[in-house]
Amino acid sequence: MSQVGASLEQLDALAAEFRRQSGAAAALRSAMTGRLGETDWVGASAQGFRDRWTSDYDPMLRRLEQDLGELGTFVAQKRDQLDQAGNR
């Protein structure tokens, strides 16, 4: 039979860190999008850069933000399940 267990306090900290880093990814995306929007830059290179930001980097950062948040939720749920199993 396999064993299952973990430090509940460490899982709390891990879940919180995933959530914190999700917020950091959101802040980074917002800051960079804002700065790019405020920058006076015209021409083909500027448009190409903005297009790439919009099509590639912004979606990647959104996905990172989402994934980190989901991982935080997953860890918190597993922590709760372990806690409940230990209290039976």
N, C-alpha and C. Protein backbone atom coordinates (compact mmCIF):
# COMPACT_ATOMS: atom_id res chain seq x y z
N MET A 1 0.85 -1.18 0.00
CA MET A 1 0.00 0.00 0.00
C MET A 1 0.90 1.24 0.00
N SER A 2 0.56 2.22 -0.81
CA SER A 2 1.35 3.44 -0.87
C SER A 2 0.93 4.41 0.23
N GLN A 3 1.86 5.24 0.60
CA GLN A 3 1.60 6.24 1.63
C GLN A 3 1.39 7.60 0.98
N VAL A 4 0.58 8.41 1.64
CA VAL A 4 0.32 9.76 1.17
C VAL A 4 0.44 10.67 2.38
N GLY A 5 1.10 11.80 2.19
CA GLY A 5 1.20 12.76 3.28
C GLY A 5 1.98 13.99 2.86
N ALA A 6 1.87 15.00 3.66
CA ALA A 6 2.58 16.25 3.38
C ALA A 6 2.46 17.15 4.60
N SER A 7 3.31 18.15 4.64
CA SER A 7 3.20 19.18 5.66
C SER A 7 2.10 20.15 5.23
N LEU A 8 1.05 20.22 6.03
CA LEU A 8 -0.06 21.11 5.68
C LEU A 8 0.39 22.57 5.63
N GLU A 9 1.27 22.94 6.53
CA GLU A 9 1.78 24.32 6.54
C GLU A 9 2.58 24.63 5.28
N GLN A 10 3.37 23.67 4.83
CA GLN A 10 4.14 23.88 3.61
C GLN A 10 3.23 23.94 2.38
N LEU A 11 2.19 23.12 2.38
CA LEU A 11 1.24 23.20 1.27
C LEU A 11 0.50 24.53 1.26
N ASP A 12 0.17 25.04 2.45
CA ASP A 12 -0.43 26.38 2.53
C ASP A 12 0.50 27.42 1.91
N ALA A 13 1.77 27.34 2.27
CA ALA A 13 2.75 28.30 1.76
C ALA A 13 2.93 28.15 0.24
N LEU A 14 2.93 26.91 -0.24
CA LEU A 14 3.08 26.68 -1.67
C LEU A 14 1.89 27.23 -2.44
N ALA A 15 0.68 26.97 -1.96
CA ALA A 15 -0.51 27.49 -2.62
C ALA A 15 -0.50 29.01 -2.64
N ALA A 16 -0.11 29.61 -1.52
CA ALA A 16 -0.05 31.07 -1.44
C ALA A 16 0.99 31.63 -2.41
N GLU A 17 2.11 30.94 -2.55
CA GLU A 17 3.15 31.42 -3.47
C GLU A 17 2.69 31.35 -4.92
N PHE A 18 1.99 30.28 -5.28
CA PHE A 18 1.45 30.20 -6.64
C PHE A 18 0.48 31.35 -6.89
N ARG A 19 -0.36 31.63 -5.92
CA ARG A 19 -1.31 32.74 -6.08
C ARG A 19 -0.59 34.08 -6.17
N ARG A 20 0.43 34.26 -5.36
CA ARG A 20 1.20 35.50 -5.37
C ARG A 20 1.89 35.68 -6.73
N GLN A 21 2.46 34.62 -7.23
CA GLN A 21 3.15 34.72 -8.52
C GLN A 21 2.17 34.89 -9.67
N SER A 22 0.96 34.38 -9.54
CA SER A 22 -0.08 34.66 -10.52
C SER A 22 -0.36 36.16 -10.58
N GLY A 23 -0.45 36.77 -9.42
CA GLY A 23 -0.64 38.22 -9.36
C GLY A 23 0.55 38.98 -9.94
N ALA A 24 1.75 38.45 -9.71
CA ALA A 24 2.94 39.10 -10.27
C ALA A 24 2.93 39.03 -11.79
N ALA A 25 2.51 37.91 -12.34
CA ALA A 25 2.42 37.78 -13.80
C ALA A 25 1.38 38.76 -14.36
N ALA A 26 0.28 38.92 -13.65
CA ALA A 26 -0.75 39.87 -14.08
C ALA A 26 -0.22 41.30 -14.03
N ALA A 27 0.51 41.61 -12.97
CA ALA A 27 1.08 42.96 -12.82
C ALA A 27 2.11 43.23 -13.92
N LEU A 28 2.93 42.24 -14.23
CA LEU A 28 3.93 42.39 -15.28
C LEU A 28 3.26 42.64 -16.63
N ARG A 29 2.26 41.83 -16.94
CA ARG A 29 1.55 42.00 -18.21
C ARG A 29 0.91 43.37 -18.30
N SER A 30 0.27 43.79 -17.22
CA SER A 30 -0.39 45.09 -17.20
C SER A 30 0.61 46.23 -17.34
N ALA A 31 1.71 46.14 -16.62
CA ALA A 31 2.73 47.20 -16.67
C ALA A 31 3.34 47.31 -18.07
N MET A 32 3.66 46.17 -18.66
CA MET A 32 4.30 46.21 -19.98
C MET A 32 3.31 46.66 -21.06
N THR A 33 2.07 46.22 -20.95
CA THR A 33 1.07 46.66 -21.92
C THR A 33 0.84 48.16 -21.80
N GLY A 34 0.77 48.65 -20.57
CA GLY A 34 0.61 50.08 -20.35
C GLY A 34 1.78 50.88 -20.87
N ARG A 35 2.98 50.42 -20.57
CA ARG A 35 4.18 51.13 -21.03
C ARG A 35 4.25 51.13 -22.54
N LEU A 36 3.94 50.01 -23.17
CA LEU A 36 3.96 49.95 -24.62
C LEU A 36 2.94 50.92 -25.21
N GLY A 37 1.77 50.99 -24.61
CA GLY A 37 0.74 51.91 -25.09
C GLY A 37 1.11 53.37 -24.93
N GLU A 38 1.94 53.68 -23.95
CA GLU A 38 2.35 55.07 -23.69
C GLU A 38 3.57 55.49 -24.50
N THR A 39 4.21 54.54 -25.17
CA THR A 39 5.46 54.81 -25.88
C THR A 39 5.18 55.36 -27.27
N ASP A 40 5.75 56.53 -27.56
CA ASP A 40 5.67 57.12 -28.89
C ASP A 40 6.68 56.41 -29.78
N TRP A 41 6.16 55.53 -30.62
CA TRP A 41 7.01 54.75 -31.51
C TRP A 41 6.16 54.39 -32.71
N VAL A 42 6.59 54.82 -33.88
CA VAL A 42 5.84 54.56 -35.10
C VAL A 42 6.74 53.90 -36.13
N GLY A 43 6.12 53.34 -37.12
CA GLY A 43 6.87 52.69 -38.20
C GLY A 43 6.60 51.20 -38.22
N ALA A 44 7.18 50.57 -39.22
CA ALA A 44 6.97 49.14 -39.42
C ALA A 44 7.50 48.31 -38.25
N SER A 45 8.66 48.67 -37.73
CA SER A 45 9.22 47.93 -36.59
C SER A 45 8.33 48.07 -35.37
N ALA A 46 7.84 49.26 -35.14
CA ALA A 46 6.96 49.50 -33.99
C ALA A 46 5.68 48.69 -34.12
N GLN A 47 5.10 48.70 -35.31
CA GLN A 47 3.86 47.95 -35.52
C GLN A 47 4.11 46.45 -35.38
N GLY A 48 5.22 45.99 -35.93
CA GLY A 48 5.57 44.57 -35.81
C GLY A 48 5.77 44.16 -34.36
N PHE A 49 6.43 45.02 -33.60
CA PHE A 49 6.64 44.74 -32.18
C PHE A 49 5.32 44.68 -31.43
N ARG A 50 4.46 45.67 -31.68
CA ARG A 50 3.14 45.69 -31.01
C ARG A 50 2.30 44.48 -31.41
N ASP A 51 2.35 44.14 -32.69
CA ASP A 51 1.61 42.96 -33.14
C ASP A 51 2.11 41.70 -32.45
N ARG A 52 3.41 41.59 -32.31
CA ARG A 52 3.98 40.41 -31.64
C ARG A 52 3.61 40.40 -30.17
N TRP A 53 3.65 41.56 -29.53
CA TRP A 53 3.24 41.63 -28.13
C TRP A 53 1.80 41.14 -27.98
N THR A 54 0.93 41.65 -28.86
CA THR A 54 -0.49 41.33 -28.78
C THR A 54 -0.77 39.86 -29.12
N SER A 55 -0.07 39.33 -30.10
CA SER A 55 -0.37 37.97 -30.55
C SER A 55 0.38 36.89 -29.77
N ASP A 56 1.57 37.22 -29.26
CA ASP A 56 2.40 36.19 -28.62
C ASP A 56 2.56 36.40 -27.11
N TYR A 57 3.11 37.52 -26.73
CA TYR A 57 3.55 37.70 -25.35
C TYR A 57 2.41 37.98 -24.37
N ASP A 58 1.48 38.83 -24.73
CA ASP A 58 0.35 39.10 -23.85
C ASP A 58 -0.42 37.81 -23.56
N PRO A 59 -0.75 37.00 -24.58
CA PRO A 59 -1.45 35.74 -24.30
C PRO A 59 -0.63 34.76 -23.45
N MET A 60 0.69 34.74 -23.67
CA MET A 60 1.53 33.86 -22.84
C MET A 60 1.50 34.27 -21.38
N LEU A 61 1.58 35.56 -21.13
CA LEU A 61 1.54 36.03 -19.74
C LEU A 61 0.16 35.81 -19.12
N ARG A 62 -0.89 35.98 -19.91
CA ARG A 62 -2.25 35.68 -19.41
C ARG A 62 -2.36 34.21 -19.03
N ARG A 63 -1.81 33.36 -19.88
CA ARG A 63 -1.85 31.91 -19.61
C ARG A 63 -1.04 31.58 -18.37
N LEU A 64 0.12 32.17 -18.23
CA LEU A 64 0.94 31.95 -17.04
C LEU A 64 0.18 32.38 -15.79
N GLU A 65 -0.43 33.54 -15.84
CA GLU A 65 -1.23 34.04 -14.72
C GLU A 65 -2.33 33.04 -14.37
N GLN A 66 -3.05 32.58 -15.36
CA GLN A 66 -4.14 31.63 -15.15
C GLN A 66 -3.62 30.31 -14.60
N ASP A 67 -2.57 29.79 -15.20
CA ASP A 67 -2.04 28.50 -14.78
C ASP A 67 -1.51 28.54 -13.35
N LEU A 68 -0.82 29.61 -12.99
CA LEU A 68 -0.31 29.72 -11.62
C LEU A 68 -1.46 29.78 -10.62
N GLY A 69 -2.51 30.51 -10.96
CA GLY A 69 -3.67 30.57 -10.09
C GLY A 69 -4.33 29.20 -9.93
N GLU A 70 -4.45 28.48 -11.04
CA GLU A 70 -5.04 27.14 -11.00
C GLU A 70 -4.19 26.18 -10.19
N LEU A 71 -2.89 26.28 -10.32
CA LEU A 71 -2.00 25.43 -9.53
C LEU A 71 -2.13 25.73 -8.04
N GLY A 72 -2.26 27.01 -7.71
CA GLY A 72 -2.47 27.38 -6.31
C GLY A 72 -3.75 26.77 -5.76
N THR A 73 -4.80 26.81 -6.56
CA THR A 73 -6.08 26.22 -6.16
C THR A 73 -5.95 24.70 -6.01
N PHE A 74 -5.26 24.07 -6.93
CA PHE A 74 -5.06 22.62 -6.88
C PHE A 74 -4.33 22.22 -5.60
N VAL A 75 -3.23 22.91 -5.31
CA VAL A 75 -2.46 22.60 -4.11
C VAL A 75 -3.32 22.80 -2.86
N ALA A 76 -4.09 23.88 -2.82
CA ALA A 76 -4.96 24.15 -1.67
C ALA A 76 -6.01 23.04 -1.51
N GLN A 77 -6.56 22.57 -2.61
CA GLN A 77 -7.54 21.49 -2.53
C GLN A 77 -6.91 20.20 -2.03
N LYS A 78 -5.73 19.88 -2.51
CA LYS A 78 -5.03 18.68 -2.04
C LYS A 78 -4.69 18.80 -0.56
N ARG A 79 -4.30 19.98 -0.15
CA ARG A 79 -4.00 20.22 1.27
C ARG A 79 -5.24 19.94 2.11
N ASP A 80 -6.39 20.45 1.66
CA ASP A 80 -7.64 20.25 2.40
C ASP A 80 -8.02 18.77 2.44
N GLN A 81 -7.82 18.07 1.33
CA GLN A 81 -8.12 16.65 1.30
C GLN A 81 -7.25 15.86 2.27
N LEU A 82 -5.97 16.21 2.31
CA LEU A 82 -5.07 15.55 3.25
C LEU A 82 -5.46 15.85 4.69
N ASP A 83 -5.84 17.07 4.94
CA ASP A 83 -6.26 17.46 6.28
C ASP A 83 -7.51 16.69 6.70
N GLN A 84 -8.47 16.59 5.80
CA GLN A 84 -9.70 15.86 6.09
C GLN A 84 -9.43 14.37 6.31
N ALA A 85 -8.55 13.80 5.49
CA ALA A 85 -8.23 12.39 5.62
C ALA A 85 -7.53 12.11 6.96
N GLY A 86 -6.74 13.04 7.41
CA GLY A 86 -6.03 12.86 8.67
C GLY A 86 -6.92 13.06 9.88
N ASN A 87 -8.05 13.73 9.70
CA ASN A 87 -8.96 13.99 10.83
C ASN A 87 -10.10 13.00 10.92
N ARG A 88 -10.03 11.93 10.15
CA ARG A 88 -11.10 10.91 10.18
C ARG A 88 -10.79 9.85 11.18
